[in-house]
Every structure is written in C-alpha cells, then in structure tokens.
Amino acid sequence: MSENENDTLQTPSPKKSRPMTRKRRRLYIVLIAMGFLFAAGALVLSALRDNLVFFYSPTEILEREIQPGQRIRIGGLVEEASVVQASGEVSVMFRVTDLTQTIPVVFTGVLPDLFREGQGVIAEGSLNEDGVFQATNVLAKHDENYMPPEVAEALKKSGRWQEGAEMNGENGENAAP
C-alpha cells in the first residue's frame, strides 16, 4: 500500500449535511406534538386513576386508608337493624356493609323511597376523622331484583354472595315457579 492510500483509509470523508426539507420539518413537528399529547394523556389518566372507580366497598376503604375529607362513594348493603332516625330530626344513621367490614354512615336529608335494610345502596360523601362516613347523597336500588353490579361483584369477592331466586333470560326477570 502506498502512503496516499493509507491516508485515505484513516481519514473519514466529511459527511455532507442536507438542508432540512419542509416535509421533514413537518414530520418532526407532528412527532413532537404527538409526544406531548401522549404525555398529557398519561398525566390525566394517572391523576384520575382513583376517581375512575364507581365506588369503594367498606373493606376497600379500610384497606386504602382514605384521608378524611376526601370525596368518595361507598357501596354495599344496608346492615340489618342499623337504621336509626331520631324523632323530629332529618339526620339518619345506618351502617353499610360488604358482609366483611362495616362503615357507619350519617345522612342528613330525605332518603329514597326504596331505601331499606338489607338492600343495596351507594352513598356519596366523605369520611370524617372518627371514621364515620358523612353522606351528601344516597342512591338506592330501583326494583326487587336489582343490585348494582359493583355491589354484587364486591360481595362475590368477599365470598359472602348469596344467590337469590334463579334468574331467567337476559332481562333478569325471576323464573316462573
């Protein structure tokens, strides 16, 4: 090998930079914008992660150690013989259970007509420092056969689900005897 050939092998040739075309610049802008949108979406979803749950069962509330004053929904069954309403007062005290854990609830207002012991209920409000749930809204089941699916799932998870009458068909009506 000659000396000139050796120099050309060791010295890399300088790369020629091409000017950025409009098409390439537009592609970079679109990719950066999509990256920002993805990051913003991820931040929103992580912030709303706990709020996507329709309600918490009493067991989940006690496990999560919900902070006093944090607005949440609690769902379960109204515990038998737990509804207490002082005469002449609008406040009602009752306990919501998932048959594993129980949380006391205080509600000031008029309860739904279908509210009663042993039935499914969802209450909106917050826990106070004493662990009592201060409800601002109470929702009750809407007919004899209905239980919110989330309440039924929580009861099944706790192993306390008791299947009632056999259900017939897709509409959930009771089978004829």
C-alpha atoms as a PDB file:
ATOM      1  CA  MET A   1       0.000   0.000   0.000  1.00  0.00           C
ATOM      2  CA  SER A   2       1.184   3.431  -0.727  1.00  0.00           C
ATOM      3  CA  GLU A   3       1.183   6.231   1.723  1.00  0.00           C
ATOM      4  CA  ASN A   4      -1.610   8.094  -0.053  1.00  0.00           C
ATOM      5  CA  GLU A   5      -3.893   5.075   0.079  1.00  0.00           C
ATOM      6  CA  ASN A   6      -3.183   4.706   3.815  1.00  0.00           C
ATOM      7  CA  ASP A   7      -4.207   8.343   4.455  1.00  0.00           C
ATOM      8  CA  THR A   8      -7.464   7.966   2.624  1.00  0.00           C
ATOM      9  CA  LEU A   9      -8.360   4.861   4.634  1.00  0.00           C
ATOM     10  CA  GLN A  10      -7.716   6.506   8.012  1.00  0.00           C
ATOM     11  CA  THR A  11      -9.286   9.864   7.343  1.00  0.00           C
ATOM     12  CA  PRO A  12     -13.027   9.601   7.106  1.00  0.00           C
ATOM     13  CA  SER A  13     -14.588  11.741   4.490  1.00  0.00           C
ATOM     14  CA  PRO A  14     -16.673  14.587   5.883  1.00  0.00           C
ATOM     15  CA  LYS A  15     -20.421  13.965   5.686  1.00  0.00           C
ATOM     16  CA  LYS A  16     -22.345  16.397   3.672  1.00  0.00           C
ATOM     17  CA  SER A  17     -25.375  17.688   5.590  1.00  0.00           C
ATOM     18  CA  ARG A  18     -28.518  18.090   3.616  1.00  0.00           C
ATOM     19  CA  PRO A  19     -30.714  21.071   4.268  1.00  0.00           C
ATOM     20  CA  MET A  20     -33.935  20.186   6.181  1.00  0.00           C
ATOM     21  CA  THR A  21     -36.834  19.977   3.799  1.00  0.00           C
ATOM     22  CA  ARG A  22     -40.332  21.230   4.599  1.00  0.00           C
ATOM     23  CA  LYS A  23     -41.626  17.689   4.625  1.00  0.00           C
ATOM     24  CA  ARG A  24     -39.040  16.541   7.178  1.00  0.00           C
ATOM     25  CA  ARG A  25     -39.618  19.630   9.383  1.00  0.00           C
ATOM     26  CA  ARG A  26     -43.386  18.984   9.324  1.00  0.00           C
ATOM     27  CA  LEU A  27     -42.779  15.339  10.293  1.00  0.00           C
ATOM     28  CA  TYR A  28     -40.652  16.382  13.290  1.00  0.00           C
ATOM     29  CA  ILE A  29     -43.284  18.879  14.434  1.00  0.00           C
ATOM     30  CA  VAL A  30     -46.049  16.270  14.193  1.00  0.00           C
ATOM     31  CA  LEU A  31     -43.977  13.691  16.101  1.00  0.00           C
ATOM     32  CA  ILE A  32     -43.150  16.171  18.870  1.00  0.00           C
ATOM     33  CA  ALA A  33     -46.804  17.254  19.123  1.00  0.00           C
ATOM     34  CA  MET A  34     -47.929  13.610  19.366  1.00  0.00           C
ATOM     35  CA  GLY A  35     -45.341  13.030  22.101  1.00  0.00           C
ATOM     36  CA  PHE A  36     -46.711  15.967  24.110  1.00  0.00           C
ATOM     37  CA  LEU A  37     -50.307  14.762  23.639  1.00  0.00           C
ATOM     38  CA  PHE A  38     -49.348  11.260  24.794  1.00  0.00           C
ATOM     39  CA  ALA A  39     -47.589  12.664  27.877  1.00  0.00           C
ATOM     40  CA  ALA A  40     -50.571  14.907  28.720  1.00  0.00           C
ATOM     41  CA  GLY A  41     -52.984  11.968  28.348  1.00  0.00           C
ATOM     42  CA  ALA A  42     -50.835   9.803  30.607  1.00  0.00           C
ATOM     43  CA  LEU A  43     -50.768  12.537  33.265  1.00  0.00           C
ATOM     44  CA  VAL A  44     -54.559  12.987  33.141  1.00  0.00           C
ATOM     45  CA  LEU A  45     -55.192   9.252  33.426  1.00  0.00           C
ATOM     46  CA  SER A  46     -52.809   8.883  36.346  1.00  0.00           C
ATOM     47  CA  ALA A  47     -54.472  11.828  38.138  1.00  0.00           C
ATOM     48  CA  LEU A  48     -57.934  10.336  37.627  1.00  0.00           C
ATOM     49  CA  ARG A  49     -56.916   6.763  38.450  1.00  0.00           C
ATOM     50  CA  ASP A  50     -58.749   6.641  41.807  1.00  0.00           C
ATOM     51  CA  ASN A  51     -61.752   8.580  40.539  1.00  0.00           C
ATOM     52  CA  LEU A  52     -62.492   6.062  37.798  1.00  0.00           C
ATOM     53  CA  VAL A  53     -63.836   3.613  40.375  1.00  0.00           C
ATOM     54  CA  PHE A  54     -67.596   3.951  40.744  1.00  0.00           C
ATOM     55  CA  PHE A  55     -67.465   3.225  44.465  1.00  0.00           C
ATOM     56  CA  TYR A  56     -65.408   1.566  47.184  1.00  0.00           C
ATOM     57  CA  SER A  57     -66.648  -1.252  49.390  1.00  0.00           C
ATOM     58  CA  PRO A  58     -66.176  -0.861  53.171  1.00  0.00           C
ATOM     59  CA  THR A  59     -63.275  -3.345  53.031  1.00  0.00           C
ATOM     60  CA  GLU A  60     -61.523  -1.342  50.286  1.00  0.00           C
ATOM     61  CA  ILE A  61     -61.981   1.902  52.242  1.00  0.00           C
ATOM     62  CA  LEU A  62     -60.376   0.425  55.337  1.00  0.00           C
ATOM     63  CA  GLU A  63     -57.538  -1.130  53.293  1.00  0.00           C
ATOM     64  CA  ARG A  64     -56.797   2.075  51.360  1.00  0.00           C
ATOM     65  CA  GLU A  65     -56.804   4.322  54.415  1.00  0.00           C
ATOM     66  CA  ILE A  66     -58.802   7.074  52.694  1.00  0.00           C
ATOM     67  CA  GLN A  67     -57.944  10.545  54.014  1.00  0.00           C
ATOM     68  CA  PRO A  68     -60.655  12.393  55.995  1.00  0.00           C
ATOM     69  CA  GLY A  69     -62.483  14.896  53.813  1.00  0.00           C
ATOM     70  CA  GLN A  70     -61.696  13.142  50.516  1.00  0.00           C
ATOM     71  CA  ARG A  71     -64.891  12.790  48.445  1.00  0.00           C
ATOM     72  CA  ILE A  72     -65.643   9.175  47.560  1.00  0.00           C
ATOM     73  CA  ARG A  73     -68.548   6.795  47.009  1.00  0.00           C
ATOM     74  CA  ILE A  74     -69.217   3.837  49.270  1.00  0.00           C
ATOM     75  CA  GLY A  75     -71.327   0.888  48.164  1.00  0.00           C
ATOM     76  CA  GLY A  76     -72.690  -2.174  49.862  1.00  0.00           C
ATOM     77  CA  LEU A  77     -75.723  -3.396  51.736  1.00  0.00           C
ATOM     78  CA  VAL A  78     -77.572  -1.507  54.450  1.00  0.00           C
ATOM     79  CA  GLU A  79     -76.912  -3.624  57.529  1.00  0.00           C
ATOM     80  CA  GLU A  80     -79.974  -5.162  59.175  1.00  0.00           C
ATOM     81  CA  ALA A  81     -81.226  -3.331  62.311  1.00  0.00           C
ATOM     82  CA  SER A  82     -78.772  -0.457  61.770  1.00  0.00           C
ATOM     83  CA  VAL A  83     -81.047   2.369  60.583  1.00  0.00           C
ATOM     84  CA  VAL A  84     -81.605   4.937  63.350  1.00  0.00           C
ATOM     85  CA  GLN A  85     -83.554   8.158  62.894  1.00  0.00           C
ATOM     86  CA  ALA A  86     -84.221  10.351  65.896  1.00  0.00           C
ATOM     87  CA  SER A  87     -87.793  11.637  66.058  1.00  0.00           C
ATOM     88  CA  GLY A  88     -88.127  15.137  64.715  1.00  0.00           C
ATOM     89  CA  GLU A  89     -84.700  15.087  63.027  1.00  0.00           C
ATOM     90  CA  VAL A  90     -83.769  14.787  59.385  1.00  0.00           C
ATOM     91  CA  SER A  91     -80.460  13.001  60.084  1.00  0.00           C
ATOM     92  CA  VAL A  92     -80.372   9.253  59.602  1.00  0.00           C
ATOM     93  CA  MET A  93     -77.619   6.945  60.823  1.00  0.00           C
ATOM     94  CA  PHE A  94     -77.061   3.489  59.314  1.00  0.00           C
ATOM     95  CA  ARG A  95     -74.230   1.092  58.544  1.00  0.00           C
ATOM     96  CA  VAL A  96     -73.087  -0.056  55.104  1.00  0.00           C
ATOM     97  CA  THR A  97     -71.509  -3.494  54.889  1.00  0.00           C
ATOM     98  CA  ASP A  98     -69.989  -5.806  52.323  1.00  0.00           C
ATOM     99  CA  LEU A  99     -70.509  -8.618  54.868  1.00  0.00           C
ATOM    100  CA  THR A 100     -66.793  -8.479  55.737  1.00  0.00           C
ATOM    101  CA  GLN A 101     -66.387  -4.915  57.040  1.00  0.00           C
ATOM    102  CA  THR A 102     -68.896  -2.272  58.118  1.00  0.00           C
ATOM    103  CA  ILE A 103     -68.751   1.537  57.973  1.00  0.00           C
ATOM    104  CA  PRO A 104     -71.167   3.830  59.853  1.00  0.00           C
ATOM    105  CA  VAL A 105     -72.917   6.420  57.678  1.00  0.00           C
ATOM    106  CA  VAL A 106     -74.699   9.642  58.642  1.00  0.00           C
ATOM    107  CA  PHE A 107     -77.002  11.282  56.112  1.00  0.00           C
ATOM    108  CA  THR A 108     -78.963  14.493  56.520  1.00  0.00           C
ATOM    109  CA  GLY A 109     -81.855  14.706  54.125  1.00  0.00           C
ATOM    110  CA  VAL A 110     -84.670  12.650  52.728  1.00  0.00           C
ATOM    111  CA  LEU A 111     -83.794   9.045  51.921  1.00  0.00           C
ATOM    112  CA  PRO A 112     -85.044   7.487  48.680  1.00  0.00           C
ATOM    113  CA  ASP A 113     -88.389   5.664  48.949  1.00  0.00           C
ATOM    114  CA  LEU A 114     -86.743   2.332  48.132  1.00  0.00           C
ATOM    115  CA  PHE A 115     -84.092   2.659  50.858  1.00  0.00           C
ATOM    116  CA  ARG A 116     -84.350  -0.121  53.458  1.00  0.00           C
ATOM    117  CA  GLU A 117     -82.257  -2.538  55.483  1.00  0.00           C
ATOM    118  CA  GLY A 118     -80.675  -5.463  53.656  1.00  0.00           C
ATOM    119  CA  GLN A 119     -80.792  -3.694  50.277  1.00  0.00           C
ATOM    120  CA  GLY A 120     -78.025  -2.355  48.037  1.00  0.00           C
ATOM    121  CA  VAL A 121     -77.041   1.271  48.478  1.00  0.00           C
ATOM    122  CA  ILE A 122     -74.412   3.687  47.206  1.00  0.00           C
ATOM    123  CA  ALA A 123     -73.648   6.813  49.225  1.00  0.00           C
ATOM    124  CA  GLU A 124     -71.578   9.797  48.109  1.00  0.00           C
ATOM    125  CA  GLY A 125     -69.657  11.892  50.630  1.00  0.00           C
ATOM    126  CA  SER A 126     -66.518  11.768  52.752  1.00  0.00           C
ATOM    127  CA  LEU A 127     -65.102  10.144  55.866  1.00  0.00           C
ATOM    128  CA  ASN A 128     -64.626  12.283  58.967  1.00  0.00           C
ATOM    129  CA  GLU A 129     -61.784  11.935  61.476  1.00  0.00           C
ATOM    130  CA  ASP A 130     -63.810   9.413  63.538  1.00  0.00           C
ATOM    131  CA  GLY A 131     -64.205   7.026  60.582  1.00  0.00           C
ATOM    132  CA  VAL A 132     -67.892   7.908  60.101  1.00  0.00           C
ATOM    133  CA  PHE A 133     -68.967   8.440  56.503  1.00  0.00           C
ATOM    134  CA  GLN A 134     -70.806  11.775  56.076  1.00  0.00           C
ATOM    135  CA  ALA A 135     -73.093  11.174  53.090  1.00  0.00           C
ATOM    136  CA  THR A 136     -74.301  14.042  50.920  1.00  0.00           C
ATOM    137  CA  ASN A 137     -76.295  11.801  48.586  1.00  0.00           C
ATOM    138  CA  VAL A 138     -77.769   8.307  48.933  1.00  0.00           C
ATOM    139  CA  LEU A 139     -78.809   6.123  45.997  1.00  0.00           C
ATOM    140  CA  ALA A 140     -80.958   3.016  46.495  1.00  0.00           C
ATOM    141  CA  LYS A 141     -81.806   0.072  44.275  1.00  0.00           C
ATOM    142  CA  HIS A 142     -84.606   0.578  41.804  1.00  0.00           C
ATOM    143  CA  ASP A 143     -86.618  -2.654  41.941  1.00  0.00           C
ATOM    144  CA  GLU A 144     -86.951  -6.028  43.659  1.00  0.00           C
ATOM    145  CA  ASN A 145     -84.358  -7.820  41.517  1.00  0.00           C
ATOM    146  CA  TYR A 146     -81.749  -5.113  41.111  1.00  0.00           C
ATOM    147  CA  MET A 147     -78.419  -4.821  42.882  1.00  0.00           C
ATOM    148  CA  PRO A 148     -75.711  -2.570  41.453  1.00  0.00           C
ATOM    149  CA  PRO A 149     -73.260  -4.826  39.576  1.00  0.00           C
ATOM    150  CA  GLU A 150     -70.361  -3.335  41.510  1.00  0.00           C
ATOM    151  CA  VAL A 151     -72.006  -4.225  44.848  1.00  0.00           C
ATOM    152  CA  ALA A 152     -72.698  -7.772  43.639  1.00  0.00           C
ATOM    153  CA  GLU A 153     -69.064  -8.110  42.482  1.00  0.00           C
ATOM    154  CA  ALA A 154     -67.739  -6.842  45.832  1.00  0.00           C
ATOM    155  CA  LEU A 155     -69.950  -9.360  47.665  1.00  0.00           C
ATOM    156  CA  LYS A 156     -68.753 -12.167  45.390  1.00  0.00           C
ATOM    157  CA  LYS A 157     -65.117 -11.181  46.042  1.00  0.00           C
ATOM    158  CA  SER A 158     -65.692 -11.293  49.795  1.00  0.00           C
ATOM    159  CA  GLY A 159     -67.229 -14.775  49.479  1.00  0.00           C
ATOM    160  CA  ARG A 160     -70.497 -13.584  51.024  1.00  0.00           C
ATOM    161  CA  TRP A 161     -72.639 -13.600  47.878  1.00  0.00           C
ATOM    162  CA  GLN A 162     -75.911 -15.477  48.320  1.00  0.00           C
ATOM    163  CA  GLU A 163     -77.676 -16.218  45.099  1.00  0.00           C
ATOM    164  CA  GLY A 164     -81.394 -15.426  45.327  1.00  0.00           C
ATOM    165  CA  ALA A 165     -84.059 -16.837  43.063  1.00  0.00           C
ATOM    166  CA  GLU A 166     -82.898 -18.323  39.780  1.00  0.00           C
ATOM    167  CA  MET A 167     -82.766 -15.716  37.054  1.00  0.00           C
ATOM    168  CA  ASN A 168     -84.342 -16.403  33.708  1.00  0.00           C
ATOM    169  CA  GLY A 169     -83.202 -14.994  30.373  1.00  0.00           C
ATOM    170  CA  GLU A 170     -81.234 -11.890  29.556  1.00  0.00           C
ATOM    171  CA  ASN A 171     -83.616  -9.380  31.110  1.00  0.00           C
ATOM    172  CA  GLY A 172     -83.041 -10.623  34.680  1.00  0.00           C
ATOM    173  CA  GLU A 173     -86.668 -11.454  35.491  1.00  0.00           C
ATOM    174  CA  ASN A 174     -87.401 -14.171  38.014  1.00  0.00           C
ATOM    175  CA  ALA A 175     -88.236 -17.570  36.608  1.00  0.00           C
ATOM    176  CA  ALA A 176     -91.836 -18.666  36.993  1.00  0.00           C
ATOM    177  CA  PRO A 177     -92.436 -21.343  39.641  1.00  0.00           C
END
